[in-house]
Amino acid sequence: MTDNLTKEQRHKNMTHIRSTNTRIEKDVTKALWNLGYRFRKNVKTLPGKPDIAIQKYKIVIFLDSCFWHKCPEHFKKPKSNLEYWEPKIKRNIERDAEINQYYKDNNWHILRIWEHEIKKTNFQNTIEKIKNFIELNKL
């Protein structure tokens, strides 16, 4: 099935998709900052450009979108342009695994949070989960 948008329309849509300073990233980082945690966001020098990094304790946290990282619960396969989307999503998953392995091999503590875990109904639980992860690995 072909794409139902023109090349120009698709380009415009794709350029408006944010990779940093997303709503979920802003919400999580604000909550953690208010709890007293100090960190860096989107550190370009670290593999995978983690959303949150506390380098002093070798902690990285990724906030993964359900679509771009193929959440097993919420991923909806695109209906058009499958020859583009299937390899794109597959490569994202492979890259996530490579990044995870890099951090494990280098004794970093890595946490991946799904977008749906941050949504309103689970927000406080997710912040508590991140807080516990940080506290456990600060030692």
Protein backbone atom coordinates (compact mmCIF):
# COMPACT_ATOMS: atom_id res chain seq x y z
CA MET A 1 0.00 0.00 0.00
CA THR A 2 1.37 3.42 -0.87
CA ASP A 3 1.57 6.48 1.32
CA ASN A 4 -1.61 8.56 1.31
CA LEU A 5 0.36 11.82 1.70
CA THR A 6 2.52 13.57 -0.84
CA LYS A 7 6.25 13.65 -0.29
CA GLU A 8 6.02 17.29 0.83
CA GLN A 9 3.16 16.58 3.27
CA ARG A 10 5.00 13.59 4.75
CA HIS A 11 8.16 15.70 5.13
CA LYS A 12 6.21 18.43 6.93
CA ASN A 13 4.64 15.86 9.30
CA MET A 14 7.93 14.16 10.07
CA THR A 15 9.79 17.42 10.75
CA HIS A 16 7.26 18.29 13.45
CA ILE A 17 7.90 15.12 15.45
CA ARG A 18 10.10 15.99 18.41
CA SER A 19 12.89 13.81 19.71
CA THR A 20 13.78 16.05 22.65
CA ASN A 21 11.73 18.15 25.04
CA THR A 22 8.63 16.07 24.47
CA ARG A 23 5.68 16.44 26.83
CA ILE A 24 6.51 13.20 28.65
CA GLU A 25 10.17 14.21 28.99
CA LYS A 26 9.23 17.63 30.38
CA ASP A 27 6.78 16.12 32.88
CA VAL A 28 9.22 13.50 34.15
CA THR A 29 12.24 15.77 34.38
CA LYS A 30 10.24 18.48 36.17
CA ALA A 31 9.00 15.94 38.74
CA LEU A 32 12.49 14.53 39.31
CA TRP A 33 14.03 18.00 39.57
CA ASN A 34 11.40 18.96 42.17
CA LEU A 35 12.39 15.87 44.16
CA GLY A 36 15.96 17.18 44.27
CA TYR A 37 17.58 15.01 41.59
CA ARG A 38 20.17 16.69 39.41
CA PHE A 39 20.83 15.26 35.98
CA ARG A 40 21.54 16.09 32.36
CA LYS A 41 19.01 15.74 29.57
CA ASN A 42 19.72 14.31 26.12
CA VAL A 43 23.48 13.93 26.61
CA LYS A 44 24.92 13.83 23.09
CA THR A 45 28.22 12.32 24.22
CA LEU A 46 26.52 9.19 25.57
CA PRO A 47 25.34 6.44 23.21
CA GLY A 48 21.64 6.65 22.42
CA LYS A 49 21.48 10.23 23.76
CA PRO A 50 19.65 9.22 26.96
CA ASP A 51 16.70 11.37 28.02
CA ILE A 52 18.07 11.54 31.57
CA ALA A 53 21.66 10.87 32.64
CA ILE A 54 23.31 11.01 36.03
CA GLN A 55 26.89 10.35 34.99
CA LYS A 56 28.27 10.51 38.53
CA TYR A 57 26.38 7.29 39.34
CA LYS A 58 26.44 5.84 35.81
CA ILE A 59 22.65 6.01 35.51
CA VAL A 60 20.77 6.51 32.25
CA ILE A 61 17.02 6.62 31.74
CA PHE A 62 15.24 6.39 28.41
CA LEU A 63 11.63 7.48 27.95
CA ASP A 64 10.46 5.39 25.00
CA SER A 65 7.51 6.22 22.79
CA CYS A 66 5.04 3.39 22.31
CA PHE A 67 5.05 3.89 18.54
CA TRP A 68 8.72 4.50 17.75
CA HIS A 69 10.00 1.71 20.01
CA LYS A 70 7.17 -0.78 19.33
CA CYS A 71 5.53 -1.15 22.70
CA PRO A 72 4.13 -4.69 23.02
CA GLU A 73 0.91 -3.30 24.51
CA HIS A 74 0.16 -0.22 22.41
CA PHE A 75 2.00 -0.39 19.11
CA LYS A 76 -0.30 0.06 16.14
CA LYS A 77 1.17 -1.01 12.85
CA PRO A 78 0.92 1.73 10.21
CA LYS A 79 -1.58 1.02 7.47
CA SER A 80 0.33 2.66 4.66
CA ASN A 81 3.92 2.89 3.44
CA LEU A 82 4.88 -0.37 5.15
CA GLU A 83 8.06 -0.70 3.09
CA TYR A 84 9.29 2.39 4.92
CA TRP A 85 7.85 1.84 8.42
CA GLU A 86 8.65 -1.83 9.01
CA PRO A 87 12.44 -1.49 8.57
CA LYS A 88 12.40 1.85 10.41
CA ILE A 89 10.71 0.43 13.52
CA LYS A 90 12.77 -2.77 13.33
CA ARG A 91 16.00 -0.75 13.29
CA ASN A 92 14.84 1.30 16.28
CA ILE A 93 14.33 -1.92 18.26
CA GLU A 94 17.74 -3.25 17.20
CA ARG A 95 19.37 0.05 18.17
CA ASP A 96 17.67 -0.07 21.59
CA ALA A 97 19.13 -3.54 22.16
CA GLU A 98 22.60 -2.37 21.08
CA ILE A 99 22.42 0.63 23.39
CA ASN A 100 21.23 -1.53 26.30
CA GLN A 101 24.13 -3.90 25.71
CA TYR A 102 26.65 -1.05 25.57
CA TYR A 103 25.55 0.27 28.96
CA LYS A 104 25.46 -3.20 30.51
CA ASP A 105 28.94 -3.98 29.19
CA ASN A 106 30.23 -0.73 30.69
CA ASN A 107 28.59 -1.22 34.10
CA TRP A 108 25.96 1.49 33.74
CA HIS A 109 22.49 1.28 35.25
CA ILE A 110 19.86 1.59 32.55
CA LEU A 111 16.12 2.06 32.89
CA ARG A 112 13.64 2.19 30.03
CA ILE A 113 10.20 3.64 30.66
CA TRP A 114 7.35 3.28 28.18
CA GLU A 115 5.33 6.31 27.21
CA HIS A 116 2.14 4.69 28.53
CA GLU A 117 3.74 4.33 31.97
CA ILE A 118 4.01 8.11 32.16
CA LYS A 119 0.45 8.87 31.15
CA LYS A 120 -1.75 10.47 33.80
CA THR A 121 -3.08 7.31 35.45
CA ASN A 122 0.40 5.93 36.16
CA PHE A 123 2.45 9.12 36.46
CA GLN A 124 3.10 9.10 40.22
CA ASN A 125 3.83 5.37 40.22
CA THR A 126 6.32 5.86 37.41
CA ILE A 127 8.06 8.74 39.18
CA GLU A 128 8.30 6.53 42.28
CA LYS A 129 9.75 3.72 40.13
CA ILE A 130 12.39 6.07 38.70
CA LYS A 131 13.16 7.48 42.16
CA ASN A 132 13.64 3.96 43.57
CA PHE A 133 15.86 3.03 40.61
CA ILE A 134 18.06 6.08 41.17
CA GLU A 135 18.30 5.54 44.93
CA LEU A 136 19.14 1.86 44.51
CA ASN A 137 21.92 2.60 42.04
CA LYS A 138 23.42 5.67 43.73
CA LEU A 139 25.28 3.50 46.19
